[in-house]
PDB file of all heavy atoms in Angstrom:
ATOM      1  N   ILE A   1      -9.587   1.753  -2.651  1.00  0.00           N
ATOM      2  CA  ILE A   1     -10.706   0.828  -2.454  1.00  0.00           C
ATOM      3  C   ILE A   1     -11.376   1.208  -1.139  1.00  0.00           C
ATOM      4  O   ILE A   1     -10.728   1.231  -0.088  1.00  0.00           O
ATOM      5  CB  ILE A   1     -10.232  -0.633  -2.390  1.00  0.00           C
ATOM      6  CG1 ILE A   1      -9.376  -0.982  -3.606  1.00  0.00           C
ATOM      7  CG2 ILE A   1     -11.437  -1.564  -2.283  1.00  0.00           C
ATOM      8  CD1 ILE A   1     -10.100  -0.969  -4.917  1.00  0.00           C
ATOM      9  N   GLU A   2     -12.659   1.510  -1.205  1.00  0.00           N
ATOM     10  CA  GLU A   2     -13.404   1.950  -0.030  1.00  0.00           C
ATOM     11  C   GLU A   2     -14.233   0.797   0.522  1.00  0.00           C
ATOM     12  O   GLU A   2     -14.952   0.118  -0.228  1.00  0.00           O
ATOM     13  CB  GLU A   2     -14.297   3.140  -0.379  1.00  0.00           C
ATOM     14  CG  GLU A   2     -13.497   4.346  -0.857  1.00  0.00           C
ATOM     15  CD  GLU A   2     -14.341   5.604  -0.956  1.00  0.00           C
ATOM     16  OE1 GLU A   2     -15.582   5.492  -1.044  1.00  0.00           O
ATOM     17  OE2 GLU A   2     -13.748   6.704  -0.938  1.00  0.00           O
ATOM     18  N   PHE A   3     -14.111   0.599   1.842  1.00  0.00           N
ATOM     19  CA  PHE A   3     -14.848  -0.459   2.531  1.00  0.00           C
ATOM     20  C   PHE A   3     -15.718   0.144   3.628  1.00  0.00           C
ATOM     21  O   PHE A   3     -15.398   1.205   4.186  1.00  0.00           O
ATOM     22  CB  PHE A   3     -13.888  -1.461   3.187  1.00  0.00           C
ATOM     23  CG  PHE A   3     -13.026  -2.235   2.238  1.00  0.00           C
ATOM     24  CD1 PHE A   3     -11.659  -1.981   2.158  1.00  0.00           C
ATOM     25  CD2 PHE A   3     -13.565  -3.229   1.435  1.00  0.00           C
ATOM     26  CE1 PHE A   3     -10.848  -2.702   1.292  1.00  0.00           C
ATOM     27  CE2 PHE A   3     -12.763  -3.960   0.565  1.00  0.00           C
ATOM     28  CZ  PHE A   3     -11.400  -3.690   0.494  1.00  0.00           C
ATOM     29  N   LEU A   4     -16.802  -0.539   3.942  1.00  0.00           N
ATOM     30  CA  LEU A   4     -17.536  -0.299   5.171  1.00  0.00           C
ATOM     31  C   LEU A   4     -17.112  -1.359   6.169  1.00  0.00           C
ATOM     32  O   LEU A   4     -17.099  -2.557   5.843  1.00  0.00           O
ATOM     33  CB  LEU A   4     -19.053  -0.367   4.940  1.00  0.00           C
ATOM     34  CG  LEU A   4     -19.696   0.836   4.263  1.00  0.00           C
ATOM     35  CD1 LEU A   4     -21.179   0.583   4.041  1.00  0.00           C
ATOM     36  CD2 LEU A   4     -19.497   2.096   5.097  1.00  0.00           C
ATOM     37  N   LEU A   5     -16.759  -0.937   7.362  1.00  0.00           N
ATOM     38  CA  LEU A   5     -16.292  -1.847   8.406  1.00  0.00           C
ATOM     39  C   LEU A   5     -17.325  -1.855   9.524  1.00  0.00           C
ATOM     40  O   LEU A   5     -17.644  -0.801  10.096  1.00  0.00           O
ATOM     41  CB  LEU A   5     -14.937  -1.382   8.935  1.00  0.00           C
ATOM     42  CG  LEU A   5     -14.272  -2.211  10.022  1.00  0.00           C
ATOM     43  CD1 LEU A   5     -13.963  -3.614   9.518  1.00  0.00           C
ATOM     44  CD2 LEU A   5     -12.995  -1.520  10.494  1.00  0.00           C
ATOM     45  N   CYS A   6     -17.876  -3.037   9.828  1.00  0.00           N
ATOM     46  CA  CYS A   6     -18.936  -3.136  10.837  1.00  0.00           C
ATOM     47  C   CYS A   6     -18.814  -4.467  11.563  1.00  0.00           C
ATOM     48  O   CYS A   6     -18.817  -5.537  10.922  1.00  0.00           O
ATOM     49  CB  CYS A   6     -20.303  -3.019  10.155  1.00  0.00           C
ATOM     50  SG  CYS A   6     -21.696  -2.926  11.283  1.00  0.00           S
ATOM     51  N   ASP A   7     -18.677  -4.403  12.885  1.00  0.00           N
ATOM     52  CA  ASP A   7     -18.609  -5.611  13.722  1.00  0.00           C
ATOM     53  C   ASP A   7     -17.527  -6.582  13.250  1.00  0.00           C
ATOM     54  O   ASP A   7     -17.736  -7.809  13.197  1.00  0.00           O
ATOM     55  CB  ASP A   7     -19.974  -6.316  13.749  1.00  0.00           C
ATOM     56  CG  ASP A   7     -21.057  -5.465  14.381  1.00  0.00           C
ATOM     57  OD1 ASP A   7     -20.732  -4.680  15.288  1.00  0.00           O
ATOM     58  OD2 ASP A   7     -22.215  -5.567  13.952  1.00  0.00           O
ATOM     59  N   GLY A   8     -16.375  -6.047  12.895  1.00  0.00           N
ATOM     60  CA  GLY A   8     -15.252  -6.890  12.522  1.00  0.00           C
ATOM     61  C   GLY A   8     -15.299  -7.436  11.109  1.00  0.00           C
ATOM     62  O   GLY A   8     -14.400  -8.195  10.717  1.00  0.00           O
ATOM     63  N   ALA A   9     -16.323  -7.077  10.324  1.00  0.00           N
ATOM     64  CA  ALA A   9     -16.423  -7.519   8.933  1.00  0.00           C
ATOM     65  C   ALA A   9     -16.343  -6.316   8.010  1.00  0.00           C
ATOM     66  O   ALA A   9     -16.800  -5.229   8.363  1.00  0.00           O
ATOM     67  CB  ALA A   9     -17.735  -8.275   8.710  1.00  0.00           C
ATOM     68  N   PHE A  10     -15.756  -6.508   6.824  1.00  0.00           N
ATOM     69  CA  PHE A  10     -15.670  -5.395   5.884  1.00  0.00           C
ATOM     70  C   PHE A  10     -16.404  -5.733   4.591  1.00  0.00           C
ATOM     71  O   PHE A  10     -16.480  -6.892   4.175  1.00  0.00           O
ATOM     72  CB  PHE A  10     -14.210  -5.006   5.607  1.00  0.00           C
ATOM     73  CG  PHE A  10     -13.379  -6.064   4.920  1.00  0.00           C
ATOM     74  CD1 PHE A  10     -13.242  -6.084   3.541  1.00  0.00           C
ATOM     75  CD2 PHE A  10     -12.705  -7.022   5.667  1.00  0.00           C
ATOM     76  CE1 PHE A  10     -12.472  -7.043   2.906  1.00  0.00           C
ATOM     77  CE2 PHE A  10     -11.922  -7.984   5.039  1.00  0.00           C
ATOM     78  CZ  PHE A  10     -11.803  -7.996   3.656  1.00  0.00           C
ATOM     79  N   PHE A  11     -16.961  -4.694   3.975  1.00  0.00           N
ATOM     80  CA  PHE A  11     -17.747  -4.845   2.755  1.00  0.00           C
ATOM     81  C   PHE A  11     -17.281  -3.815   1.729  1.00  0.00           C
ATOM     82  O   PHE A  11     -17.107  -2.640   2.054  1.00  0.00           O
ATOM     83  CB  PHE A  11     -19.240  -4.632   3.034  1.00  0.00           C
ATOM     84  CG  PHE A  11     -19.817  -5.549   4.065  1.00  0.00           C
ATOM     85  CD1 PHE A  11     -19.861  -5.166   5.405  1.00  0.00           C
ATOM     86  CD2 PHE A  11     -20.307  -6.802   3.718  1.00  0.00           C
ATOM     87  CE1 PHE A  11     -20.398  -6.001   6.362  1.00  0.00           C
ATOM     88  CE2 PHE A  11     -20.831  -7.645   4.674  1.00  0.00           C
ATOM     89  CZ  PHE A  11     -20.884  -7.249   6.005  1.00  0.00           C
ATOM     90  N   PHE A  12     -17.112  -4.258   0.497  1.00  0.00           N
ATOM     91  CA  PHE A  12     -16.703  -3.359  -0.584  1.00  0.00           C
ATOM     92  C   PHE A  12     -17.800  -2.337  -0.864  1.00  0.00           C
ATOM     93  O   PHE A  12     -18.975  -2.677  -0.985  1.00  0.00           O
ATOM     94  CB  PHE A  12     -16.417  -4.181  -1.846  1.00  0.00           C
ATOM     95  CG  PHE A  12     -16.156  -3.350  -3.068  1.00  0.00           C
ATOM     96  CD1 PHE A  12     -14.899  -2.818  -3.305  1.00  0.00           C
ATOM     97  CD2 PHE A  12     -17.168  -3.091  -3.983  1.00  0.00           C
ATOM     98  CE1 PHE A  12     -14.644  -2.054  -4.432  1.00  0.00           C
ATOM     99  CE2 PHE A  12     -16.925  -2.327  -5.114  1.00  0.00           C
ATOM    100  CZ  PHE A  12     -15.665  -1.809  -5.342  1.00  0.00           C
ATOM    101  N   MET A  13     -17.414  -1.069  -0.947  1.00  0.00           N
ATOM    102  CA  MET A  13     -18.334  -0.010  -1.357  1.00  0.00           C
ATOM    103  C   MET A  13     -18.091   0.392  -2.798  1.00  0.00           C
ATOM    104  O   MET A  13     -18.973   0.321  -3.641  1.00  0.00           O
ATOM    105  CB  MET A  13     -18.177   1.227  -0.460  1.00  0.00           C
ATOM    106  CG  MET A  13     -18.950   1.200   0.819  1.00  0.00           C
ATOM    107  SD  MET A  13     -19.138   2.879   1.473  1.00  0.00           S
ATOM    108  CE  MET A  13     -17.445   3.411   1.656  1.00  0.00           C
ATOM    109  N   GLU A  14     -16.858   0.863  -3.064  1.00  0.00           N
ATOM    110  CA  GLU A  14     -16.541   1.344  -4.396  1.00  0.00           C
ATOM    111  C   GLU A  14     -15.042   1.526  -4.522  1.00  0.00           C
ATOM    112  O   GLU A  14     -14.307   1.496  -3.529  1.00  0.00           O
ATOM    113  CB  GLU A  14     -17.248   2.669  -4.688  1.00  0.00           C
ATOM    114  CG  GLU A  14     -16.809   3.811  -3.780  1.00  0.00           C
ATOM    115  CD  GLU A  14     -17.625   5.078  -4.001  1.00  0.00           C
ATOM    116  OE1 GLU A  14     -18.838   4.951  -4.191  1.00  0.00           O
ATOM    117  OE2 GLU A  14     -17.046   6.163  -3.991  1.00  0.00           O
ATOM    118  N   MET A  15     -14.617   1.735  -5.764  1.00  0.00           N
ATOM    119  CA  MET A  15     -13.218   2.066  -6.015  1.00  0.00           C
ATOM    120  C   MET A  15     -13.154   3.446  -6.647  1.00  0.00           C
ATOM    121  O   MET A  15     -13.903   3.757  -7.578  1.00  0.00           O
ATOM    122  CB  MET A  15     -12.563   1.058  -6.953  1.00  0.00           C
ATOM    123  CG  MET A  15     -11.086   1.379  -7.224  1.00  0.00           C
ATOM    124  SD  MET A  15     -10.285   0.175  -8.298  1.00  0.00           S
ATOM    125  CE  MET A  15      -8.562   0.707  -8.165  1.00  0.00           C
ATOM    126  N   ASN A  16     -12.269   4.287  -6.132  1.00  0.00           N
ATOM    127  CA  ASN A  16     -12.003   5.587  -6.742  1.00  0.00           C
ATOM    128  C   ASN A  16     -10.745   5.448  -7.588  1.00  0.00           C
ATOM    129  O   ASN A  16      -9.645   5.241  -7.061  1.00  0.00           O
ATOM    130  CB  ASN A  16     -11.820   6.667  -5.687  1.00  0.00           C
ATOM    131  CG  ASN A  16     -13.100   6.922  -4.904  1.00  0.00           C
ATOM    132  OD1 ASN A  16     -13.114   6.878  -3.689  1.00  0.00           O
ATOM    133  ND2 ASN A  16     -14.187   7.189  -5.604  1.00  0.00           N
ATOM    134  N   THR A  17     -10.899   5.580  -8.893  1.00  0.00           N
ATOM    135  CA  THR A  17      -9.797   5.334  -9.825  1.00  0.00           C
ATOM    136  C   THR A  17      -9.008   6.621 -10.079  1.00  0.00           C
ATOM    137  O   THR A  17      -8.831   7.052 -11.222  1.00  0.00           O
ATOM    138  CB  THR A  17     -10.345   4.766 -11.143  1.00  0.00           C
ATOM    139  OG1 THR A  17     -11.370   5.659 -11.639  1.00  0.00           O
ATOM    140  CG2 THR A  17     -10.946   3.391 -10.933  1.00  0.00           C
ATOM    141  N   ARG A  18      -8.544   7.227  -9.000  1.00  0.00           N
ATOM    142  CA  ARG A  18      -7.863   8.522  -9.074  1.00  0.00           C
ATOM    143  C   ARG A  18      -7.149   8.772  -7.758  1.00  0.00           C
ATOM    144  O   ARG A  18      -7.243   7.964  -6.822  1.00  0.00           O
ATOM    145  CB  ARG A  18      -8.880   9.634  -9.316  1.00  0.00           C
ATOM    146  CG  ARG A  18     -10.027   9.611  -8.280  1.00  0.00           C
ATOM    147  CD  ARG A  18     -10.902  10.823  -8.347  1.00  0.00           C
ATOM    148  NE  ARG A  18     -12.133  10.670  -7.594  1.00  0.00           N
ATOM    149  CZ  ARG A  18     -12.250  10.800  -6.283  1.00  0.00           C
ATOM    150  NH1 ARG A  18     -11.173  11.053  -5.560  1.00  0.00           N
ATOM    151  NH2 ARG A  18     -13.418  10.666  -5.682  1.00  0.00           N
ATOM    152  N   LEU A  19      -6.507   9.906  -7.676  1.00  0.00           N
ATOM    153  CA  LEU A  19      -5.941  10.374  -6.413  1.00  0.00           C
ATOM    154  C   LEU A  19      -7.077  10.892  -5.539  1.00  0.00           C
ATOM    155  O   LEU A  19      -7.975  11.576  -6.025  1.00  0.00           O
ATOM    156  CB  LEU A  19      -4.943  11.493  -6.700  1.00  0.00           C
ATOM    157  CG  LEU A  19      -3.980  11.901  -5.583  1.00  0.00           C
ATOM    158  CD1 LEU A  19      -2.994  10.784  -5.301  1.00  0.00           C
ATOM    159  CD2 LEU A  19      -3.236  13.173  -5.985  1.00  0.00           C
ATOM    160  N   GLN A  20      -7.046  10.579  -4.254  1.00  0.00           N
ATOM    161  CA  GLN A  20      -8.101  11.013  -3.351  1.00  0.00           C
ATOM    162  C   GLN A  20      -7.810  12.394  -2.758  1.00  0.00           C
ATOM    163  O   GLN A  20      -6.649  12.790  -2.608  1.00  0.00           O
ATOM    164  CB  GLN A  20      -8.239  10.021  -2.185  1.00  0.00           C
ATOM    165  CG  GLN A  20      -8.824   8.679  -2.572  1.00  0.00           C
ATOM    166  CD  GLN A  20     -10.340   8.726  -2.700  1.00  0.00           C
ATOM    167  OE1 GLN A  20     -10.869   9.115  -3.731  1.00  0.00           O
ATOM    168  NE2 GLN A  20     -11.037   8.328  -1.666  1.00  0.00           N
ATOM    169  N   VAL A  21      -8.867  13.085  -2.375  1.00  0.00           N
ATOM    170  CA  VAL A  21      -8.710  14.368  -1.688  1.00  0.00           C
ATOM    171  C   VAL A  21      -7.823  14.203  -0.457  1.00  0.00           C
ATOM    172  O   VAL A  21      -6.979  15.044  -0.157  1.00  0.00           O
ATOM    173  CB  VAL A  21     -10.093  14.929  -1.284  1.00  0.00           C
ATOM    174  CG1 VAL A  21      -9.939  16.221  -0.486  1.00  0.00           C
ATOM    175  CG2 VAL A  21     -10.964  15.160  -2.510  1.00  0.00           C
ATOM    176  N   GLU A  22      -8.013  13.104   0.257  1.00  0.00           N
ATOM    177  CA  GLU A  22      -7.332  12.911   1.535  1.00  0.00           C
ATOM    178  C   GLU A  22      -5.965  12.237   1.410  1.00  0.00           C
ATOM    179  O   GLU A  22      -5.407  11.749   2.419  1.00  0.00           O
ATOM    180  CB  GLU A  22      -8.216  12.103   2.489  1.00  0.00           C
ATOM    181  CG  GLU A  22      -8.665  10.746   1.975  1.00  0.00           C
ATOM    182  CD  GLU A  22      -9.957  10.799   1.156  1.00  0.00           C
ATOM    183  OE1 GLU A  22     -10.321  11.884   0.650  1.00  0.00           O
ATOM    184  OE2 GLU A  22     -10.589   9.749   1.022  1.00  0.00           O
ATOM    185  N   HIS A  23      -5.372  12.215   0.213  1.00  0.00           N
ATOM    186  CA  HIS A  23      -4.078  11.548   0.047  1.00  0.00           C
ATOM    187  C   HIS A  23      -2.965  12.142   0.918  1.00  0.00           C
ATOM    188  O   HIS A  23      -1.998  11.430   1.229  1.00  0.00           O
ATOM    189  CB  HIS A  23      -3.660  11.576  -1.435  1.00  0.00           C
ATOM    190  CG  HIS A  23      -3.152  12.893  -1.918  1.00  0.00           C
ATOM    191  ND1 HIS A  23      -3.980  13.887  -2.379  1.00  0.00           N
ATOM    192  CD2 HIS A  23      -1.888  13.399  -1.991  1.00  0.00           C
ATOM    193  CE1 HIS A  23      -3.264  14.924  -2.734  1.00  0.00           C
ATOM    194  NE2 HIS A  23      -1.990  14.673  -2.504  1.00  0.00           N
ATOM    195  N   PRO A  24      -3.028  13.429   1.356  1.00  0.00           N
ATOM    196  CA  PRO A  24      -1.920  13.940   2.182  1.00  0.00           C
ATOM    197  C   PRO A  24      -1.680  13.172   3.474  1.00  0.00           C
ATOM    198  O   PRO A  24      -0.526  13.102   3.936  1.00  0.00           O
ATOM    199  CB  PRO A  24      -2.338  15.387   2.468  1.00  0.00           C
ATOM    200  CG  PRO A  24      -3.163  15.774   1.289  1.00  0.00           C
ATOM    201  CD  PRO A  24      -3.938  14.528   0.965  1.00  0.00           C
ATOM    202  N   VAL A  25      -2.720  12.609   4.102  1.00  0.00           N
ATOM    203  CA  VAL A  25      -2.466  11.891   5.358  1.00  0.00           C
ATOM    204  C   VAL A  25      -1.645  10.633   5.098  1.00  0.00           C
ATOM    205  O   VAL A  25      -0.811  10.239   5.923  1.00  0.00           O
ATOM    206  CB  VAL A  25      -3.776  11.559   6.108  1.00  0.00           C
ATOM    207  CG1 VAL A  25      -4.444  12.827   6.609  1.00  0.00           C
ATOM    208  CG2 VAL A  25      -4.737  10.747   5.259  1.00  0.00           C
ATOM    209  N   THR A  26      -1.860   9.996   3.946  1.00  0.00           N
ATOM    210  CA  THR A  26      -1.042   8.838   3.579  1.00  0.00           C
ATOM    211  C   THR A  26       0.385   9.275   3.283  1.00  0.00           C
ATOM    212  O   THR A  26       1.350   8.597   3.664  1.00  0.00           O
ATOM    213  CB  THR A  26      -1.654   8.118   2.372  1.00  0.00           C
ATOM    214  OG1 THR A  26      -2.940   7.593   2.736  1.00  0.00           O
ATOM    215  CG2 THR A  26      -0.767   6.981   1.894  1.00  0.00           C
ATOM    216  N   GLU A  27       0.542  10.428   2.630  1.00  0.00           N
ATOM    217  CA  GLU A  27       1.887  10.939   2.367  1.00  0.00           C
ATOM    218  C   GLU A  27       2.627  11.215   3.663  1.00  0.00           C
ATOM    219  O   GLU A  27       3.837  10.956   3.773  1.00  0.00           O
ATOM    220  CB  GLU A  27       1.799  12.208   1.520  1.00  0.00           C
ATOM    221  CG  GLU A  27       1.302  11.949   0.098  1.00  0.00           C
ATOM    222  CD  GLU A  27       1.336  13.182  -0.774  1.00  0.00           C
ATOM    223  OE1 GLU A  27       1.054  14.284  -0.251  1.00  0.00           O
ATOM    224  OE2 GLU A  27       1.623  13.062  -1.970  1.00  0.00           O
ATOM    225  N   CYS A  28       1.915  11.741   4.659  1.00  0.00           N
ATOM    226  CA  CYS A  28       2.563  12.069   5.933  1.00  0.00           C
ATOM    227  C   CYS A  28       3.078  10.834   6.646  1.00  0.00           C
ATOM    228  O   CYS A  28       4.192  10.833   7.194  1.00  0.00           O
ATOM    229  CB  CYS A  28       1.593  12.831   6.834  1.00  0.00           C
ATOM    230  SG  CYS A  28       1.287  14.539   6.339  1.00  0.00           S
ATOM    231  N   VAL A  29       2.286   9.768   6.680  1.00  0.00           N
ATOM    232  CA  VAL A  29       2.685   8.592   7.462  1.00  0.00           C
ATOM    233  C   VAL A  29       3.611   7.660   6.684  1.00  0.00           C
ATOM    234  O   VAL A  29       4.290   6.818   7.280  1.00  0.00           O
ATOM    235  CB  VAL A  29       1.461   7.802   7.982  1.00  0.00           C
ATOM    236  CG1 VAL A  29       0.643   8.669   8.927  1.00  0.00           C
ATOM    237  CG2 VAL A  29       0.604   7.279   6.845  1.00  0.00           C
ATOM    238  N   THR A  30       3.664   7.785   5.347  1.00  0.00           N
ATOM    239  CA  THR A  30       4.573   6.952   4.563  1.00  0.00           C
ATOM    240  C   THR A  30       5.839   7.700   4.152  1.00  0.00           C
ATOM    241  O   THR A  30       6.830   7.073   3.753  1.00  0.00           O
ATOM    242  CB  THR A  30       3.888   6.445   3.276  1.00  0.00           C
ATOM    243  OG1 THR A  30       3.496   7.565   2.474  1.00  0.00           O
ATOM    244  CG2 THR A  30       2.677   5.584   3.606  1.00  0.00           C
ATOM    245  N   GLY A  31       5.798   9.039   4.216  1.00  0.00           N
ATOM    246  CA  GLY A  31       6.939   9.825   3.769  1.00  0.00           C
ATOM    247  C   GLY A  31       7.100   9.838   2.263  1.00  0.00           C
ATOM    248  O   GLY A  31       8.182  10.160   1.750  1.00  0.00           O
ATOM    249  N   GLN A  32       6.042   9.508   1.519  1.00  0.00           N
ATOM    250  CA  GLN A  32       6.100   9.435   0.066  1.00  0.00           C
ATOM    251  C   GLN A  32       5.278  10.559  -0.571  1.00  0.00           C
ATOM    252  O   GLN A  32       4.334  11.075   0.028  1.00  0.00           O
ATOM    253  CB  GLN A  32       5.563   8.074  -0.425  1.00  0.00           C
ATOM    254  CG  GLN A  32       6.293   6.876   0.156  1.00  0.00           C
ATOM    255  CD  GLN A  32       7.762   6.854  -0.220  1.00  0.00           C
ATOM    256  OE1 GLN A  32       8.129   7.084  -1.372  1.00  0.00           O
ATOM    257  NE2 GLN A  32       8.619   6.582   0.761  1.00  0.00           N
ATOM    258  N   ASP A  33       5.619  10.927  -1.799  1.00  0.00           N
ATOM    259  CA  ASP A  33       4.894  11.913  -2.591  1.00  0.00           C
ATOM    260  C   ASP A  33       4.083  11.141  -3.632  1.00  0.00           C
ATOM    261  O   ASP A  33       4.637  10.643  -4.620  1.00  0.00           O
ATOM    262  CB  ASP A  33       5.885  12.869  -3.266  1.00  0.00           C
ATOM    263  CG  ASP A  33       5.199  13.986  -4.050  1.00  0.00           C
ATOM    264  OD1 ASP A  33       4.075  13.775  -4.539  1.00  0.00           O
ATOM    265  OD2 ASP A  33       5.797  15.071  -4.188  1.00  0.00           O
ATOM    266  N   LEU A  34       2.790  11.034  -3.427  1.00  0.00           N
ATOM    267  CA  LEU A  34       1.972  10.198  -4.301  1.00  0.00           C
ATOM    268  C   LEU A  34       1.806  10.793  -5.693  1.00  0.00           C
ATOM    269  O   LEU A  34       1.619  10.051  -6.663  1.00  0.00           O
ATOM    270  CB  LEU A  34       0.598   9.952  -3.664  1.00  0.00           C
ATOM    271  CG  LEU A  34       0.609   9.206  -2.319  1.00  0.00           C
ATOM    272  CD1 LEU A  34      -0.808   8.769  -1.946  1.00  0.00           C
ATOM    273  CD2 LEU A  34       1.537   8.001  -2.362  1.00  0.00           C
ATOM    274  N   VAL A  35       1.865  12.105  -5.830  1.00  0.00           N
ATOM    275  CA  VAL A  35       1.814  12.705  -7.162  1.00  0.00           C
ATOM    276  C   VAL A  35       3.088  12.347  -7.932  1.00  0.00           C
ATOM    277  O   VAL A  35       3.035  12.032  -9.128  1.00  0.00           O
ATOM    278  CB  VAL A  35       1.628  14.234  -7.075  1.00  0.00           C
ATOM    279  CG1 VAL A  35       1.735  14.879  -8.459  1.00  0.00           C
ATOM    280  CG2 VAL A  35       0.274  14.568  -6.460  1.00  0.00           C
ATOM    281  N   ALA A  36       4.228  12.366  -7.255  1.00  0.00           N
ATOM    282  CA  ALA A  36       5.482  11.949  -7.896  1.00  0.00           C
ATOM    283  C   ALA A  36       5.403  10.489  -8.324  1.00  0.00           C
ATOM    284  O   ALA A  36       5.898  10.112  -9.398  1.00  0.00           O
ATOM    285  CB  ALA A  36       6.664  12.169  -6.948  1.00  0.00           C
ATOM    286  N   TRP A  37       4.777   9.652  -7.499  1.00  0.00           N
ATOM    287  CA  TRP A  37       4.573   8.246  -7.870  1.00  0.00           C
ATOM    288  C   TRP A  37       3.724   8.151  -9.132  1.00  0.00           C
ATOM    289  O   TRP A  37       4.017   7.358 -10.032  1.00  0.00           O
ATOM    290  CB  TRP A  37       3.883   7.497  -6.726  1.00  0.00           C
ATOM    291  CG  TRP A  37       4.779   7.020  -5.621  1.00  0.00           C
ATOM    292  CD1 TRP A  37       5.794   7.707  -5.027  1.00  0.00           C
ATOM    293  CD2 TRP A  37       4.728   5.750  -4.979  1.00  0.00           C
ATOM    294  NE1 TRP A  37       6.366   6.953  -4.045  1.00  0.00           N
ATOM    295  CE2 TRP A  37       5.738   5.742  -3.986  1.00  0.00           C
ATOM    296  CE3 TRP A  37       3.933   4.634  -5.115  1.00  0.00           C
ATOM    297  CZ2 TRP A  37       5.968   4.644  -3.160  1.00  0.00           C
ATOM    298  CZ3 TRP A  37       4.149   3.529  -4.294  1.00  0.00           C
ATOM    299  CH2 TRP A  37       5.168   3.536  -3.330  1.00  0.00           C
ATOM    300  N   GLN A  38       2.641   8.949  -9.195  1.00  0.00           N
ATOM    301  CA  GLN A  38       1.777   8.912 -10.373  1.00  0.00           C
ATOM    302  C   GLN A  38       2.558   9.250 -11.640  1.00  0.00           C
ATOM    303  O   GLN A  38       2.398   8.592 -12.677  1.00  0.00           O
ATOM    304  CB  GLN A  38       0.633   9.908 -10.217  1.00  0.00           C
ATOM    305  CG  GLN A  38      -0.459   9.502  -9.242  1.00  0.00           C
ATOM    306  CD  GLN A  38      -1.606  10.498  -9.265  1.00  0.00           C
ATOM    307  OE1 GLN A  38      -1.426  11.665  -8.919  1.00  0.00           O
ATOM    308  NE2 GLN A  38      -2.765  10.046  -9.688  1.00  0.00           N
ATOM    309  N   LEU A  39       3.374  10.281 -11.567  1.00  0.00           N
ATOM    310  CA  LEU A  39       4.140  10.704 -12.736  1.00  0.00           C
ATOM    311  C   LEU A  39       5.176   9.651 -13.124  1.00  0.00           C
ATOM    312  O   LEU A  39       5.395   9.388 -14.317  1.00  0.00           O
ATOM    313  CB  LEU A  39       4.807  12.048 -12.452  1.00  0.00           C
ATOM    314  CG  LEU A  39       3.844  13.221 -12.225  1.00  0.00           C
ATOM    315  CD1 LEU A  39       4.587  14.444 -11.696  1.00  0.00           C
ATOM    316  CD2 LEU A  39       3.087  13.570 -13.504  1.00  0.00           C
ATOM    317  N   ALA A  40       5.789   9.021 -12.130  1.00  0.00           N
ATOM    318  CA  ALA A  40       6.777   7.977 -12.415  1.00  0.00           C
ATOM    319  C   ALA A  40       6.128   6.774 -13.098  1.00  0.00           C
ATOM    320  O   ALA A  40       6.671   6.222 -14.068  1.00  0.00           O
ATOM    321  CB  ALA A  40       7.468   7.548 -11.119  1.00  0.00           C
ATOM    322  N   VAL A  41       4.976   6.351 -12.595  1.00  0.00           N
ATOM    323  CA  VAL A  41       4.262   5.222 -13.194  1.00  0.00           C
ATOM    324  C   VAL A  41       3.867   5.542 -14.631  1.00  0.00           C
ATOM    325  O   VAL A  41       3.958   4.701 -15.536  1.00  0.00           O
ATOM    326  CB  VAL A  41       3.028   4.859 -12.349  1.00  0.00           C
ATOM    327  CG1 VAL A  41       2.093   3.924 -13.108  1.00  0.00           C
ATOM    328  CG2 VAL A  41       3.457   4.209 -11.035  1.00  0.00           C
ATOM    329  N   ALA A  42       3.433   6.788 -14.874  1.00  0.00           N
ATOM    330  CA  ALA A  42       3.043   7.192 -16.226  1.00  0.00           C
ATOM    331  C   ALA A  42       4.236   7.190 -17.179  1.00  0.00           C
ATOM    332  O   ALA A  42       4.072   7.064 -18.395  1.00  0.00           O
ATOM    333  CB  ALA A  42       2.401   8.576 -16.194  1.00  0.00           C
ATOM    334  N   GLU A  43       5.442   7.338 -16.643  1.00  0.00           N
ATOM    335  CA  GLU A  43       6.651   7.284 -17.455  1.00  0.00           C
ATOM    336  C   GLU A  43       7.151   5.858 -17.661  1.00  0.00           C
ATOM    337  O   GLU A  43       8.196   5.638 -18.284  1.00  0.00           O
ATOM    338  CB  GLU A  43       7.752   8.124 -16.810  1.00  0.00           C
ATOM    339  CG  GLU A  43       7.479   9.621 -16.863  1.00  0.00           C
ATOM    340  CD  GLU A  43       8.557  10.456 -16.209  1.00  0.00           C
ATOM    341  OE1 GLU A  43       9.335   9.886 -15.396  1.00  0.00           O
ATOM    342  OE2 GLU A  43       8.637  11.663 -16.498  1.00  0.00           O
ATOM    343  N   GLY A  44       6.402   4.877 -17.136  1.00  0.00           N
ATOM    344  CA  GLY A  44       6.778   3.481 -17.310  1.00  0.00           C
ATOM    345  C   GLY A  44       7.740   2.955 -16.275  1.00  0.00           C
ATOM    346  O   GLY A  44       8.253   1.837 -16.393  1.00  0.00           O
ATOM    347  N   LYS A  45       8.012   3.712 -15.233  1.00  0.00           N
ATOM    348  CA  LYS A  45       8.948   3.297 -14.191  1.00  0.00           C
ATOM    349  C   LYS A  45       8.263   2.346 -13.210  1.00  0.00           C
ATOM    350  O   LYS A  45       7.043   2.380 -13.046  1.00  0.00           O
ATOM    351  CB  LYS A  45       9.487   4.516 -13.443  1.00  0.00           C
ATOM    352  CG  LYS A  45      10.291   5.470 -14.311  1.00  0.00           C
ATOM    353  CD  LYS A  45      10.689   6.719 -13.533  1.00  0.00           C
ATOM    354  CE  LYS A  45      11.467   7.696 -14.400  1.00  0.00           C
ATOM    355  NZ  LYS A  45      11.777   8.961 -13.687  1.00  0.00           N
ATOM    356  N   PRO A  46       9.043   1.515 -12.516  1.00  0.00           N
ATOM    357  CA  PRO A  46       8.452   0.643 -11.497  1.00  0.00           C
ATOM    358  C   PRO A  46       8.082   1.431 -10.243  1.00  0.00           C
ATOM    359  O   PRO A  46       8.567   2.546 -10.031  1.00  0.00           O
ATOM    360  CB  PRO A  46       9.569  -0.364 -11.202  1.00  0.00           C
ATOM    361  CG  PRO A  46      10.827   0.388 -11.520  1.00  0.00           C
ATOM    362  CD  PRO A  46      10.486   1.278 -12.687  1.00  0.00           C
TER     363      PRO A  46
END
């Protein structure tokens, strides 16, 4: 979910219904593999 943040308020821009180009930075700070998560969810796992 993409927001614009201005003067302490946020506004919805759009939703990207996919993996983002920049997902590696989230993987680095969470220690998770988001592609592995995608495959697990597709297999019906929690």
